[in-house]
Amino acid sequence: MNSPRIFCIGRNYSEHAKELGNEAPKKPVVFIKPYSCLVPKGQTSKYPKHGNDLHHEVELVYRIGKAGVP
């Protein structure tokens, strides 16, 4: 799998935004993540050595290939 960009939509769940002390935006927040942030199937993600307040989320990735074919 080789994808140069991952486009994300943030704060799209108003209750979760409130839980984090943020306002839900009027328009979606769009941002990009590096491809290296994906954890391959069967591998584990690493907990950072610094800090002790880990907030996890599960993200859904839909890969679209050339010619719009997944």
Foldseek 3Di string as FASTA:
>chain_A
DDDAKFKDWPLPPQVVCVVVVHGRDPDTDIDIDGPVVDDDPPGDDDDDPDDDDDDDDDDDGDDADPPRHD
